[in-house]
Amino acid sequence: MSAANEACIVAGVRTPIGRFGGALSALQPDDLAAHVLRAVVERAGVPPSDVEDVVLGCANQAGEDNRDVARMAALLADFPETVAGVTVNRLCGSGMEAVATAARAIALGEADVHVAGRGIHEPRAMGGAKAGLRVPDRPLHDARHELGLAAGQPAAGMAGAHRSARADGRGPDGGALARTGEGG
């Protein structure tokens, strides 16, 4: 077996930070991602035809985000139809999972050029509130809570619930973690 290829990041682009009801509120997620895809290949000096796959992370693909956002964004960015696209969901770690997936494909020699990153931050599937509601005039149903995606759900809480320890053997909050059968 040959040595792994080295995967590296050659360019980075992010969307601007918007505000409630601002200029970005009317954009669809895949349209916004398409702007990023066009900009990142331009910045990297890579023709879109050299890209083999677009891997984007999207937590809770629901409502407007329910399709393969990566594939749609690649097509909207005028990448050739031969460029694949896949959307991964690892909740808050979706963007990191997308980058890891692309790096793994390159390291294993399965690919040479991937574009990867975080595609969507928040789902836009809240009871028809496409641009958001400051003071809702009707009951608002937020599917994120049913799916365990409430903002602020800390990784430490999840690690604690599953009794995971850090590499130094301490608990997720840095305190000692007693496992079943260990300690007092």
Foldseek 3Di string as FASTA:
>chain_A
DDFFDFDDQQFADDADDADQVDPCLPDQLLCRVLVRVLVGCVSSVHQLQQAAEEEAEDAPQDDSSVDQSQLSNCVSNVRDNNRYYGYDHPQPCRFVVFVVVVRVCRRRVVGPHYHGGYRDDDDQPWPPQSSHDPDDPDDIDDCCVVVVRDPPPDPLVVCVVVQHPDPVCDGSVRHHGADVPDDD
